[in-house]
C-alpha atoms as a PDB file:
ATOM      1  CA  MET A   1       0.000   0.000   0.000  1.00  0.00           C
ATOM      2  CA  ILE A   2       1.395   3.362  -1.079  1.00  0.00           C
ATOM      3  CA  LYS A   3       0.015   6.316   0.854  1.00  0.00           C
ATOM      4  CA  PHE A   4       0.294   9.715  -0.816  1.00  0.00           C
ATOM      5  CA  VAL A   5       0.324  12.264   1.993  1.00  0.00           C
ATOM      6  CA  GLY A   6      -0.008  16.036   1.690  1.00  0.00           C
ATOM      7  CA  ALA A   7       2.561  17.649   3.974  1.00  0.00           C
ATOM      8  CA  GLY A   8       0.859  21.042   3.939  1.00  0.00           C
ATOM      9  CA  PRO A   9       2.359  24.386   2.853  1.00  0.00           C
ATOM     10  CA  GLY A  10       5.204  24.636   5.372  1.00  0.00           C
ATOM     11  CA  ASP A  11       4.024  24.867   8.953  1.00  0.00           C
ATOM     12  CA  PRO A  12       4.489  21.273  10.218  1.00  0.00           C
ATOM     13  CA  GLU A  13       1.336  21.559  12.323  1.00  0.00           C
ATOM     14  CA  LEU A  14      -0.771  21.967   9.177  1.00  0.00           C
ATOM     15  CA  ILE A  15      -0.506  18.308   8.211  1.00  0.00           C
ATOM     16  CA  THR A  16      -3.670  16.311   8.893  1.00  0.00           C
ATOM     17  CA  VAL A  17      -3.942  13.925  11.841  1.00  0.00           C
ATOM     18  CA  LYS A  18      -4.348  11.098   9.322  1.00  0.00           C
ATOM     19  CA  GLY A  19      -1.177  12.177   7.518  1.00  0.00           C
ATOM     20  CA  GLN A  20       0.757  12.309  10.789  1.00  0.00           C
ATOM     21  CA  ARG A  21      -0.401   8.812  11.677  1.00  0.00           C
ATOM     22  CA  ALA A  22       0.704   7.502   8.281  1.00  0.00           C
ATOM     23  CA  LEU A  23       4.208   8.877   8.887  1.00  0.00           C
ATOM     24  CA  GLN A  24       4.352   7.378  12.359  1.00  0.00           C
ATOM     25  CA  GLU A  25       3.459   3.949  10.976  1.00  0.00           C
ATOM     26  CA  ALA A  26       5.608   4.140   7.818  1.00  0.00           C
ATOM     27  CA  GLU A  27       8.421   1.726   7.067  1.00  0.00           C
ATOM     28  CA  VAL A  28       9.494   3.704   3.983  1.00  0.00           C
ATOM     29  CA  VAL A  29       9.126   7.442   3.236  1.00  0.00           C
ATOM     30  CA  LEU A  30       9.912   9.124  -0.073  1.00  0.00           C
ATOM     31  CA  TYR A  31       9.598  12.897   0.332  1.00  0.00           C
ATOM     32  CA  THR A  32       9.764  15.784  -2.136  1.00  0.00           C
ATOM     33  CA  GLY A  33      12.923  17.608  -1.163  1.00  0.00           C
ATOM     34  CA  SER A  34      13.489  20.816   0.764  1.00  0.00           C
ATOM     35  CA  LEU A  35       9.888  22.021   0.570  1.00  0.00           C
ATOM     36  CA  VAL A  36       8.791  19.395   3.070  1.00  0.00           C
ATOM     37  CA  PRO A  37       9.438  20.572   6.647  1.00  0.00           C
ATOM     38  CA  MET A  38      12.025  18.274   8.189  1.00  0.00           C
ATOM     39  CA  GLU A  39      10.096  18.213  11.478  1.00  0.00           C
ATOM     40  CA  LEU A  40       7.611  15.852   9.826  1.00  0.00           C
ATOM     41  CA  LEU A  41      10.286  13.237   9.292  1.00  0.00           C
ATOM     42  CA  THR A  42      11.112  13.183  13.000  1.00  0.00           C
ATOM     43  CA  TRP A  43       7.761  11.474  13.555  1.00  0.00           C
ATOM     44  CA  CYS A  44       8.996   8.391  11.717  1.00  0.00           C
ATOM     45  CA  LYS A  45       9.998   5.468  13.886  1.00  0.00           C
ATOM     46  CA  ASN A  46      13.584   4.272  14.190  1.00  0.00           C
ATOM     47  CA  GLY A  47      14.638   2.161  11.243  1.00  0.00           C
ATOM     48  CA  THR A  48      12.316   3.837   8.723  1.00  0.00           C
ATOM     49  CA  ILE A  49      13.912   4.124   5.283  1.00  0.00           C
ATOM     50  CA  ILE A  50      13.746   7.842   4.358  1.00  0.00           C
ATOM     51  CA  GLU A  51      14.732   9.092   0.904  1.00  0.00           C
ATOM     52  CA  ASN A  52      14.598  12.473  -0.843  1.00  0.00           C
ATOM     53  CA  SER A  53      13.181  12.402  -4.384  1.00  0.00           C
ATOM     54  CA  ALA A  54      14.619  15.806  -5.373  1.00  0.00           C
ATOM     55  CA  ASP A  55      17.377  14.304  -7.529  1.00  0.00           C
ATOM     56  CA  MET A  56      15.289  11.422  -8.878  1.00  0.00           C
ATOM     57  CA  ASP A  57      13.689  11.181 -12.299  1.00  0.00           C
ATOM     58  CA  TYR A  58      10.467   9.244 -12.908  1.00  0.00           C
ATOM     59  CA  LYS A  59      12.301   5.971 -13.486  1.00  0.00           C
ATOM     60  CA  ASP A  60      14.179   6.355 -10.209  1.00  0.00           C
ATOM     61  CA  ILE A  61      10.933   7.080  -8.356  1.00  0.00           C
ATOM     62  CA  PHE A  62       9.092   4.162  -9.944  1.00  0.00           C
ATOM     63  CA  ASP A  63      11.961   1.763  -9.262  1.00  0.00           C
ATOM     64  CA  PHE A  64      12.070   2.881  -5.636  1.00  0.00           C
ATOM     65  CA  ILE A  65       8.311   2.473  -5.221  1.00  0.00           C
ATOM     66  CA  LYS A  66       8.348  -0.961  -6.819  1.00  0.00           C
ATOM     67  CA  LYS A  67      11.238  -2.080  -4.610  1.00  0.00           C
ATOM     68  CA  PHE A  68       9.385  -1.226  -1.398  1.00  0.00           C
ATOM     69  CA  ALA A  69       5.752  -1.607  -2.503  1.00  0.00           C
ATOM     70  CA  ASP A  70       5.221  -4.432  -0.005  1.00  0.00           C
ATOM     71  CA  LYS A  71       6.094  -2.087   2.884  1.00  0.00           C
ATOM     72  CA  LYS A  72       4.084   0.584   4.650  1.00  0.00           C
ATOM     73  CA  PHE A  73       5.138   3.254   2.169  1.00  0.00           C
ATOM     74  CA  VAL A  74       4.465   7.002   2.400  1.00  0.00           C
ATOM     75  CA  ARG A  75       5.002   9.245  -0.615  1.00  0.00           C
ATOM     76  CA  LEU A  76       5.168  12.651   1.083  1.00  0.00           C
ATOM     77  CA  HIS A  77       4.233  15.576  -1.164  1.00  0.00           C
ATOM     78  CA  THR A  78       4.280  19.292  -0.436  1.00  0.00           C
ATOM     79  CA  GLY A  79       0.937  21.016   0.045  1.00  0.00           C
ATOM     80  CA  ASP A  80      -1.853  18.838  -1.289  1.00  0.00           C
ATOM     81  CA  PRO A  81      -1.057  15.939  -3.648  1.00  0.00           C
ATOM     82  CA  SER A  82      -3.710  17.069  -6.134  1.00  0.00           C
ATOM     83  CA  ILE A  83      -2.002  20.409  -6.937  1.00  0.00           C
ATOM     84  CA  PHE A  84       1.193  20.562  -9.069  1.00  0.00           C
ATOM     85  CA  SER A  85       2.508  17.283  -7.687  1.00  0.00           C
ATOM     86  CA  THR A  86       2.840  14.828 -10.634  1.00  0.00           C
ATOM     87  CA  LEU A  87       0.367  12.611  -8.770  1.00  0.00           C
ATOM     88  CA  ALA A  88      -1.409  11.498 -11.947  1.00  0.00           C
ATOM     89  CA  LYS A  89       1.721  10.011 -13.510  1.00  0.00           C
ATOM     90  CA  GLN A  90       2.577   8.131 -10.326  1.00  0.00           C
ATOM     91  CA  ILE A  91      -0.927   6.706 -10.024  1.00  0.00           C
ATOM     92  CA  GLU A  92      -0.787   5.630 -13.667  1.00  0.00           C
ATOM     93  CA  PHE A  93       2.326   3.617 -12.805  1.00  0.00           C
ATOM     94  CA  LEU A  94       0.689   2.105  -9.715  1.00  0.00           C
ATOM     95  CA  ASP A  95      -2.421   1.102 -11.682  1.00  0.00           C
ATOM     96  CA  GLU A  96      -0.304  -0.514 -14.400  1.00  0.00           C
ATOM     97  CA  ASN A  97       1.535  -2.535 -11.745  1.00  0.00           C
ATOM     98  CA  ASN A  98      -1.525  -3.394  -9.644  1.00  0.00           C
ATOM     99  CA  ILE A  99      -0.116  -1.596  -6.598  1.00  0.00           C
ATOM    100  CA  GLU A 100      -2.736  -0.344  -4.142  1.00  0.00           C
ATOM    101  CA  TYR A 101      -2.671   3.248  -2.957  1.00  0.00           C
ATOM    102  CA  GLU A 102      -4.471   5.763  -0.782  1.00  0.00           C
ATOM    103  CA  ILE A 103      -4.432   9.567  -0.990  1.00  0.00           C
ATOM    104  CA  ILE A 104      -4.415  11.633   2.189  1.00  0.00           C
ATOM    105  CA  PRO A 105      -5.090  15.302   1.373  1.00  0.00           C
ATOM    106  CA  GLY A 106      -3.148  18.257   2.706  1.00  0.00           C
ATOM    107  CA  VAL A 107      -3.403  22.034   2.904  1.00  0.00           C
ATOM    108  CA  THR A 108      -2.312  23.592  -0.388  1.00  0.00           C
ATOM    109  CA  ALA A 109      -0.305  26.830  -0.457  1.00  0.00           C
ATOM    110  CA  ALA A 110      -3.238  28.954  -1.657  1.00  0.00           C
ATOM    111  CA  PHE A 111      -5.107  28.222   1.557  1.00  0.00           C
ATOM    112  CA  GLY A 112      -2.010  28.543   3.709  1.00  0.00           C
ATOM    113  CA  VAL A 113      -1.459  31.978   2.173  1.00  0.00           C
ATOM    114  CA  ALA A 114      -5.075  32.980   2.807  1.00  0.00           C
ATOM    115  CA  SER A 115      -4.629  32.247   6.496  1.00  0.00           C
ATOM    116  CA  SER A 116      -1.321  34.128   6.624  1.00  0.00           C
ATOM    117  CA  VAL A 117      -2.668  37.333   5.120  1.00  0.00           C
ATOM    118  CA  GLY A 118      -6.180  36.996   6.540  1.00  0.00           C
ATOM    119  CA  ILE A 119      -8.306  36.961   3.407  1.00  0.00           C
ATOM    120  CA  GLU A 120     -11.348  35.304   1.895  1.00  0.00           C
ATOM    121  CA  TYR A 121     -11.300  34.370  -1.780  1.00  0.00           C
ATOM    122  CA  THR A 122     -15.064  34.620  -2.287  1.00  0.00           C
ATOM    123  CA  ILE A 123     -16.284  38.173  -1.761  1.00  0.00           C
ATOM    124  CA  PRO A 124     -20.005  38.879  -2.469  1.00  0.00           C
ATOM    125  CA  GLY A 125     -20.463  40.955  -5.594  1.00  0.00           C
ATOM    126  CA  VAL A 126     -16.722  40.877  -6.383  1.00  0.00           C
ATOM    127  CA  SER A 127     -15.667  37.270  -6.884  1.00  0.00           C
ATOM    128  CA  GLN A 128     -17.237  33.880  -6.368  1.00  0.00           C
ATOM    129  CA  THR A 129     -14.581  32.049  -8.368  1.00  0.00           C
ATOM    130  CA  LEU A 130     -11.054  31.062  -7.377  1.00  0.00           C
ATOM    131  CA  ILE A 131      -8.627  30.308 -10.206  1.00  0.00           C
ATOM    132  CA  ILE A 132      -5.464  28.406  -9.241  1.00  0.00           C
ATOM    133  CA  SER A 133      -2.953  28.303 -12.067  1.00  0.00           C
ATOM    134  CA  ARG A 134       0.609  29.116 -13.102  1.00  0.00           C
ATOM    135  CA  ILE A 135       1.944  31.636 -15.605  1.00  0.00           C
ATOM    136  CA  GLU A 136       3.384  30.042 -18.688  1.00  0.00           C
ATOM    137  CA  GLY A 137       7.174  30.144 -18.852  1.00  0.00           C
ATOM    138  CA  ARG A 138       9.363  27.165 -19.655  1.00  0.00           C
ATOM    139  CA  THR A 139       6.482  24.976 -18.511  1.00  0.00           C
ATOM    140  CA  PRO A 140       3.603  25.313 -21.001  1.00  0.00           C
ATOM    141  CA  ASN A 141       0.078  26.133 -19.908  1.00  0.00           C
ATOM    142  CA  PRO A 142      -2.766  25.167 -22.288  1.00  0.00           C
ATOM    143  CA  GLN A 143      -4.653  28.214 -20.991  1.00  0.00           C
ATOM    144  CA  SER A 144      -2.988  31.476 -21.986  1.00  0.00           C
ATOM    145  CA  LEU A 145      -2.534  34.223 -19.408  1.00  0.00           C
ATOM    146  CA  LYS A 146      -4.840  36.468 -21.438  1.00  0.00           C
ATOM    147  CA  GLN A 147      -7.547  33.808 -21.283  1.00  0.00           C
ATOM    148  CA  LEU A 148      -7.131  33.429 -17.548  1.00  0.00           C
ATOM    149  CA  LEU A 149      -7.170  37.145 -16.793  1.00  0.00           C
ATOM    150  CA  SER A 150     -10.199  37.695 -19.015  1.00  0.00           C
ATOM    151  CA  ASN A 151     -12.150  36.276 -16.064  1.00  0.00           C
ATOM    152  CA  LYS A 152     -12.015  39.666 -14.398  1.00  0.00           C
ATOM    153  CA  ASN A 153     -14.448  38.893 -11.588  1.00  0.00           C
ATOM    154  CA  SER A 154     -12.292  36.083 -10.245  1.00  0.00           C
ATOM    155  CA  SER A 155      -9.730  35.626  -7.511  1.00  0.00           C
ATOM    156  CA  PHE A 156      -6.329  34.434  -8.747  1.00  0.00           C
ATOM    157  CA  ALA A 157      -3.633  32.404  -7.016  1.00  0.00           C
ATOM    158  CA  PHE A 158      -0.573  31.780  -9.203  1.00  0.00           C
ATOM    159  CA  TYR A 159       1.873  29.070  -8.196  1.00  0.00           C
ATOM    160  CA  LEU A 160       5.480  28.734  -9.373  1.00  0.00           C
ATOM    161  CA  SER A 161       5.356  32.073 -11.195  1.00  0.00           C
ATOM    162  CA  VAL A 162       7.069  34.805  -9.191  1.00  0.00           C
ATOM    163  CA  THR A 163       9.874  35.202 -11.761  1.00  0.00           C
ATOM    164  CA  LEU A 164       7.164  35.850 -14.373  1.00  0.00           C
ATOM    165  CA  ILE A 165       5.346  38.569 -12.435  1.00  0.00           C
ATOM    166  CA  LYS A 166       6.310  41.195 -15.029  1.00  0.00           C
ATOM    167  CA  LYS A 167       4.367  39.206 -17.614  1.00  0.00           C
ATOM    168  CA  LEU A 168       1.358  39.112 -15.281  1.00  0.00           C
ATOM    169  CA  CYS A 169       1.403  42.867 -14.717  1.00  0.00           C
ATOM    170  CA  GLU A 170       1.893  43.715 -18.401  1.00  0.00           C
ATOM    171  CA  THR A 171      -0.903  41.364 -19.482  1.00  0.00           C
ATOM    172  CA  ALA A 172      -3.246  42.784 -16.847  1.00  0.00           C
ATOM    173  CA  CYS A 173      -2.557  46.330 -18.076  1.00  0.00           C
ATOM    174  CA  TYR A 174      -3.152  45.209 -21.668  1.00  0.00           C
ATOM    175  CA  LEU A 175      -6.555  43.871 -20.574  1.00  0.00           C
ATOM    176  CA  ASN A 176      -7.386  47.241 -18.971  1.00  0.00           C
ATOM    177  CA  TYR A 177      -7.058  46.284 -15.338  1.00  0.00           C
ATOM    178  CA  THR A 178      -6.429  49.491 -13.393  1.00  0.00           C
ATOM    179  CA  LYS A 179      -2.915  50.128 -12.118  1.00  0.00           C
ATOM    180  CA  GLU A 180      -4.346  50.049  -8.589  1.00  0.00           C
ATOM    181  CA  THR A 181      -5.421  46.404  -8.929  1.00  0.00           C
ATOM    182  CA  PRO A 182      -3.931  44.610  -5.898  1.00  0.00           C
ATOM    183  CA  CYS A 183      -1.124  42.141  -6.468  1.00  0.00           C
ATOM    184  CA  TRP A 184       0.458  40.467  -3.449  1.00  0.00           C
ATOM    185  CA  VAL A 185       3.294  37.980  -3.156  1.00  0.00           C
ATOM    186  CA  VAL A 186       3.779  35.626  -0.222  1.00  0.00           C
ATOM    187  CA  GLN A 187       7.165  33.951   0.013  1.00  0.00           C
ATOM    188  CA  LYS A 188       7.355  30.606   1.871  1.00  0.00           C
ATOM    189  CA  ALA A 189       3.806  30.818   3.190  1.00  0.00           C
ATOM    190  CA  THR A 190       3.326  29.527   6.766  1.00  0.00           C
ATOM    191  CA  TRP A 191       7.072  28.836   7.233  1.00  0.00           C
ATOM    192  CA  ASP A 192       8.909  30.570  10.068  1.00  0.00           C
ATOM    193  CA  ASP A 193      10.686  32.810   7.541  1.00  0.00           C
ATOM    194  CA  GLU A 194       7.531  33.712   5.608  1.00  0.00           C
ATOM    195  CA  LYS A 195       7.524  37.157   3.967  1.00  0.00           C
ATOM    196  CA  ILE A 196       4.510  39.077   2.651  1.00  0.00           C
ATOM    197  CA  TYR A 197       4.739  41.776  -0.025  1.00  0.00           C
ATOM    198  CA  LYS A 198       1.634  43.858  -0.749  1.00  0.00           C
ATOM    199  CA  GLY A 199       1.414  46.045  -3.811  1.00  0.00           C
ATOM    200  CA  THR A 200      -0.409  46.703  -7.060  1.00  0.00           C
ATOM    201  CA  ILE A 201       0.322  45.801 -10.657  1.00  0.00           C
ATOM    202  CA  ASP A 202       2.009  49.196 -10.870  1.00  0.00           C
ATOM    203  CA  ASN A 203       4.629  48.610  -8.155  1.00  0.00           C
ATOM    204  CA  ILE A 204       4.818  44.949  -7.106  1.00  0.00           C
ATOM    205  CA  GLN A 205       7.651  44.076  -9.508  1.00  0.00           C
ATOM    206  CA  LYS A 206      10.169  46.263  -7.686  1.00  0.00           C
ATOM    207  CA  LYS A 207       9.142  44.859  -4.314  1.00  0.00           C
ATOM    208  CA  VAL A 208       9.752  41.229  -5.268  1.00  0.00           C
ATOM    209  CA  SER A 209      12.511  41.428  -7.891  1.00  0.00           C
ATOM    210  CA  HIS A 210      14.911  39.677  -5.495  1.00  0.00           C
ATOM    211  CA  ILE A 211      12.727  36.564  -5.101  1.00  0.00           C
ATOM    212  CA  ASN A 212      13.546  33.537  -7.226  1.00  0.00           C
ATOM    213  CA  GLY A 213      12.398  30.779  -4.895  1.00  0.00           C
ATOM    214  CA  VAL A 214       9.107  29.551  -3.494  1.00  0.00           C
ATOM    215  CA  ALA A 215       6.368  32.188  -3.568  1.00  0.00           C
ATOM    216  CA  LEU A 216       2.707  32.497  -4.452  1.00  0.00           C
ATOM    217  CA  ILE A 217       1.057  35.432  -6.231  1.00  0.00           C
ATOM    218  CA  LEU A 218      -2.401  36.681  -5.256  1.00  0.00           C
ATOM    219  CA  PHE A 219      -4.085  38.920  -7.797  1.00  0.00           C
ATOM    220  CA  GLY A 220      -7.422  40.649  -8.139  1.00  0.00           C
ATOM    221  CA  ASP A 221      -9.857  43.128  -6.611  1.00  0.00           C
ATOM    222  CA  PHE A 222     -10.968  40.508  -4.084  1.00  0.00           C
ATOM    223  CA  LEU A 223      -7.868  41.514  -2.093  1.00  0.00           C
ATOM    224  CA  HIS A 224      -9.665  44.724  -1.099  1.00  0.00           C
ATOM    225  CA  GLN A 225     -11.955  42.407   0.922  1.00  0.00           C
ATOM    226  CA  LYS A 226     -14.908  44.738   0.397  1.00  0.00           C
ATOM    227  CA  GLY A 227     -18.169  43.173  -0.763  1.00  0.00           C
ATOM    228  CA  LYS A 228     -20.386  44.989  -3.251  1.00  0.00           C
ATOM    229  CA  VAL A 229     -23.533  43.238  -2.060  1.00  0.00           C
ATOM    230  CA  GLU A 230     -24.628  41.833   1.272  1.00  0.00           C
ATOM    231  CA  SER A 231     -24.157  38.115   1.799  1.00  0.00           C
ATOM    232  CA  HIS A 232     -27.456  36.247   1.958  1.00  0.00           C
ATOM    233  CA  LEU A 233     -26.011  33.892   4.555  1.00  0.00           C
ATOM    234  CA  TYR A 234     -26.289  36.371   7.425  1.00  0.00           C
ATOM    235  CA  ALA A 235     -28.402  39.158   5.923  1.00  0.00           C
ATOM    236  CA  LYS A 236     -31.332  40.087   8.144  1.00  0.00           C
ATOM    237  CA  LYS A 237     -33.686  40.436   5.166  1.00  0.00           C
ATOM    238  CA  TYR A 238     -32.798  36.977   3.901  1.00  0.00           C
ATOM    239  CA  LYS A 239     -33.318  35.405   7.316  1.00  0.00           C
ATOM    240  CA  GLU A 240     -36.714  37.111   7.622  1.00  0.00           C
ATOM    241  CA  GLU A 241     -37.759  35.767   4.194  1.00  0.00           C
ATOM    242  CA  ARG A 242     -36.766  32.240   5.165  1.00  0.00           C
ATOM    243  CA  SER A 243     -38.732  32.419   8.397  1.00  0.00           C
ATOM    244  CA  LYS A 244     -41.995  33.242   6.624  1.00  0.00           C
END
């Protein structure tokens, strides 16, 4: 049984109880490099085989999984395994080799960031849609940035894209977003050395030009956190209508 476990965005306490238990019971752990907090690995019992997959290619990973597939095996991914994790390719291999697996979700960076900066992604009358994506660079994206940003009443969280923030700002200006449109960058969200940079598409580039590592971009008017209509959930009028 291979257990895919989401390690969370950085804070070791943001792993699920189920994920923690899987690590405590594991005989083999294959983790995804420096983005997994090392504190999580201290929960493993003595004698657990622990390997870093950072320098492995797919063949190396598949060979390692096959070698220890009869053990209590944890594949420890950053954030949540369903977001930018290569989970699909690994499951394809497991299915082809009749190896059983279980997926234990984790907290993805977009939600870790939201807690760090204290925001809601769904603001009444402003945005009811969250778009998680990445800006196309060396890694292609079937959806162009223009197509993504054409959804103007959406909240955006861009992964793996901080070095392409100039492209984001220029495309937003081309699509007639105002220069005051908020654009924030959170570096190493929920880690002890987390840094938050708040700006607009007019000035954010200068604030984050030194960052070339792990960071997430938040973009859109939802960052003002000001609703344009009253939420029906707690509106007095709505509650009165329901009581009739």
